[in-house]
Amino acid sequence: MNSIFLKKIVTKKGKEVVVRYPTLDDVMEMTGYINTLSREDTFITFSGEQITLDSEREYVIDLLKRIEKGDAVNMLCIVDGKIVGIAGVERKISSRNRGMHIGIFGISVGSEFRGEGIGQELSVAVIDEAKKKMPGLRTITLSVYKPNEIAYALYRKLGFIEYGTLPQGILFHGEYVDEVEMYLKLM
């Protein structure tokens, strides 16, 4: 699969960022990116564990199939050949046909590019692309750790609405913190 270019973004500091779909050629860079975030132990599900190149390759092969089927959208943010952000929406297939109208949103931005506007631009691009490429998608959901106030504010700005909180739903840095559930209605 050839890389599909989506758009260019200019960060607040003037860096040019390319937003595009991933390809199998990105596996090594994607593995390094997620492993770096995992070591940082930031507000993502990974908390120190390291992904192997083989397991990431299997994940990307499956992801590309889901993108082709219209069950996922995934975008990479690239600066000077380096991944600095990844975002996606994946159909909630765990509920089979009853939940296929729901997409689950996720995003990460590398530490050196946080606060540069990439999160908002990438989120808007991915949500717009999901509306176009995922037939029948009606609602996008996400989970955010309560202490992640910057992400929570961004999601509110994008139109996401809080619909619930799981008290102490996430183990983060050795303590249990609330997990906030949010949704965005598309139609």
Protein backbone atom coordinates (compact mmCIF):
# COMPACT_ATOMS: atom_id res chain seq x y z
CA MET A 1 0.00 0.00 0.00
CA ASN A 2 1.40 3.37 -0.98
CA SER A 3 1.39 6.14 1.57
CA ILE A 4 -1.67 8.34 1.17
CA PHE A 5 -0.84 11.99 1.82
CA LEU A 6 -3.56 13.85 3.69
CA LYS A 7 -2.28 17.35 4.51
CA LYS A 8 0.58 19.55 5.69
CA ILE A 9 0.56 21.39 9.00
CA VAL A 10 2.89 24.12 10.22
CA THR A 11 3.57 24.00 13.98
CA LYS A 12 3.54 27.05 16.22
CA LYS A 13 7.35 27.10 15.94
CA GLY A 14 7.20 26.95 12.13
CA LYS A 15 8.09 23.28 11.59
CA GLU A 16 6.40 21.65 8.58
CA VAL A 17 4.54 18.46 9.46
CA VAL A 18 3.18 15.95 6.94
CA VAL A 19 0.03 14.05 7.88
CA ARG A 20 -0.43 10.74 6.05
CA TYR A 21 -1.59 7.16 6.32
CA PRO A 22 0.94 4.58 7.53
CA THR A 23 2.50 1.91 5.32
CA LEU A 24 4.49 -1.25 6.06
CA ASP A 25 7.63 0.82 5.42
CA ASP A 26 6.79 2.75 8.62
CA VAL A 27 6.94 -0.26 10.95
CA MET A 28 10.45 0.36 12.27
CA GLU A 29 9.80 4.07 12.89
CA MET A 30 6.39 3.31 14.48
CA THR A 31 8.01 0.75 16.78
CA GLY A 32 10.61 3.27 17.93
CA TYR A 33 7.94 5.94 18.43
CA ILE A 34 5.63 3.82 20.60
CA ASN A 35 8.54 2.40 22.60
CA THR A 36 9.79 5.92 23.33
CA LEU A 37 6.32 6.97 24.55
CA SER A 38 6.05 3.79 26.60
CA ARG A 39 9.37 4.49 28.33
CA GLU A 40 8.18 8.03 29.03
CA ASP A 41 5.13 6.49 30.74
CA THR A 42 2.83 9.28 29.63
CA PHE A 43 -0.97 9.31 29.30
CA ILE A 44 -1.23 6.24 27.03
CA THR A 45 -2.02 2.58 27.70
CA PHE A 46 1.64 1.56 27.35
CA SER A 47 3.57 1.99 30.60
CA GLY A 48 7.15 0.89 30.08
CA GLU A 49 6.69 -2.32 28.10
CA GLN A 50 8.52 -2.47 24.77
CA ILE A 51 6.96 -3.65 21.51
CA THR A 52 8.98 -5.89 19.21
CA LEU A 53 9.41 -5.12 15.54
CA ASP A 54 7.57 -8.36 14.68
CA SER A 55 4.55 -7.59 16.86
CA GLU A 56 4.35 -4.04 15.45
CA ARG A 57 4.56 -5.42 11.91
CA GLU A 58 1.64 -7.78 12.66
CA TYR A 59 -0.32 -4.85 14.15
CA VAL A 60 0.32 -2.64 11.10
CA ILE A 61 -0.63 -5.43 8.65
CA ASP A 62 -3.93 -5.86 10.53
CA LEU A 63 -4.43 -2.09 10.74
CA LEU A 64 -3.93 -1.66 6.98
CA LYS A 65 -6.57 -4.37 6.36
CA ARG A 66 -9.03 -2.56 8.67
CA ILE A 67 -8.30 0.75 6.91
CA GLU A 68 -8.94 -0.89 3.53
CA LYS A 69 -12.24 -2.35 4.83
CA GLY A 70 -13.43 1.01 6.16
CA ASP A 71 -13.15 -0.08 9.81
CA ALA A 72 -10.28 2.26 10.74
CA VAL A 73 -8.52 5.49 9.90
CA ASN A 74 -4.97 6.07 11.10
CA MET A 75 -2.64 9.00 10.50
CA LEU A 76 1.01 9.63 11.15
CA CYS A 77 2.53 13.07 11.72
CA ILE A 78 5.99 13.20 10.18
CA VAL A 79 8.70 15.85 10.66
CA ASP A 80 11.96 15.38 8.76
CA GLY A 81 11.20 11.67 8.26
CA LYS A 82 10.48 11.12 11.97
CA ILE A 83 7.08 10.23 13.45
CA VAL A 84 6.04 12.86 16.00
CA GLY A 85 2.38 11.92 16.38
CA ILE A 86 -0.14 9.20 15.61
CA ALA A 87 -3.93 9.32 15.74
CA GLY A 88 -6.73 7.06 14.66
CA VAL A 89 -10.33 6.01 14.89
CA GLU A 90 -11.14 2.31 14.97
CA ARG A 91 -14.59 0.83 14.68
CA LYS A 92 -15.90 -0.76 17.89
CA ILE A 93 -15.97 -4.28 16.52
CA SER A 94 -16.08 -5.90 19.97
CA SER A 95 -19.85 -5.28 19.97
CA ARG A 96 -20.22 -6.88 16.54
CA ASN A 97 -23.00 -5.33 14.40
CA ARG A 98 -24.61 -3.60 17.38
CA GLY A 99 -21.61 -1.31 17.90
CA MET A 100 -20.31 -0.84 14.36
CA HIS A 101 -21.60 2.76 14.32
CA ILE A 102 -19.16 3.65 17.13
CA GLY A 103 -15.54 4.63 16.54
CA ILE A 104 -12.89 4.71 19.25
CA PHE A 105 -10.45 7.62 19.03
CA GLY A 106 -6.84 7.60 20.15
CA ILE A 107 -3.96 10.04 19.76
CA SER A 108 -0.40 10.54 20.93
CA VAL A 109 2.14 13.28 20.28
CA GLY A 110 5.85 12.98 20.98
CA SER A 111 7.12 15.03 23.91
CA GLU A 112 9.24 17.39 21.82
CA PHE A 113 6.18 18.46 19.78
CA ARG A 114 3.54 18.84 22.51
CA GLY A 115 2.10 22.32 22.75
CA GLU A 116 2.80 22.96 19.06
CA GLY A 117 -0.81 22.58 17.85
CA ILE A 118 -0.23 19.15 16.33
CA GLY A 119 -2.75 17.41 18.62
CA GLN A 120 -5.61 19.63 17.51
CA GLU A 121 -4.71 19.59 13.81
CA LEU A 122 -4.16 15.83 13.80
CA SER A 123 -7.41 15.21 15.70
CA VAL A 124 -9.43 17.31 13.25
CA ALA A 125 -7.80 15.59 10.25
CA VAL A 126 -8.45 12.09 11.60
CA ILE A 127 -12.05 12.81 12.60
CA ASP A 128 -12.78 14.37 9.19
CA GLU A 129 -11.20 11.39 7.45
CA ALA A 130 -13.19 8.95 9.60
CA LYS A 131 -16.43 10.70 8.59
CA LYS A 132 -15.50 10.17 4.92
CA LYS A 133 -13.94 6.70 5.03
CA MET A 134 -15.91 4.81 7.70
CA PRO A 135 -19.47 4.26 6.42
CA GLY A 136 -22.20 4.30 9.06
CA LEU A 137 -20.01 5.92 11.72
CA ARG A 138 -22.30 7.97 13.99
CA THR A 139 -20.37 8.50 17.22
CA ILE A 140 -16.71 8.67 18.23
CA THR A 141 -15.73 7.87 21.82
CA LEU A 142 -12.53 8.24 23.79
CA SER A 143 -11.12 7.75 27.26
CA VAL A 144 -8.90 10.31 28.96
CA TYR A 145 -7.08 10.11 32.28
CA LYS A 146 -8.49 12.70 34.69
CA PRO A 147 -5.04 14.24 35.42
CA ASN A 148 -4.51 14.86 31.67
CA GLU A 149 -6.12 18.31 31.76
CA ILE A 150 -4.54 19.49 28.49
CA ALA A 151 -6.02 16.58 26.52
CA TYR A 152 -9.39 16.95 28.26
CA ALA A 153 -9.51 20.65 27.29
CA LEU A 154 -8.60 19.80 23.68
CA TYR A 155 -11.33 17.17 23.44
CA ARG A 156 -13.91 19.63 24.82
CA LYS A 157 -12.74 22.20 22.25
CA LEU A 158 -13.26 19.59 19.50
CA GLY A 159 -16.85 19.06 20.68
CA PHE A 160 -16.47 15.90 22.76
CA ILE A 161 -18.90 15.64 25.69
CA GLU A 162 -18.17 13.85 28.95
CA TYR A 163 -20.65 11.05 29.61
CA GLY A 164 -19.12 9.22 32.51
CA THR A 165 -16.23 8.66 34.86
CA LEU A 166 -14.88 5.38 36.14
CA PRO A 167 -13.45 6.25 39.57
CA GLN A 168 -9.90 4.92 39.91
CA GLY A 169 -10.23 3.25 36.50
CA ILE A 170 -6.57 3.63 35.52
CA LEU A 171 -3.34 2.76 37.31
CA PHE A 172 -1.06 5.69 36.45
CA HIS A 173 2.36 6.27 37.99
CA GLY A 174 1.56 4.02 40.94
CA GLU A 175 -1.81 5.48 41.85
CA TYR A 176 -5.36 4.87 40.69
CA VAL A 177 -6.82 7.84 38.80
CA ASP A 178 -10.25 8.43 37.30
CA GLU A 179 -10.89 7.50 33.67
CA VAL A 180 -13.20 9.96 31.91
CA GLU A 181 -15.33 8.76 28.99
CA MET A 182 -16.29 11.24 26.25
CA TYR A 183 -18.18 11.14 22.96
CA LEU A 184 -18.60 13.17 19.79
CA LYS A 185 -21.86 12.85 17.86
CA LEU A 186 -21.29 12.89 14.09
CA MET A 187 -24.92 12.83 12.99
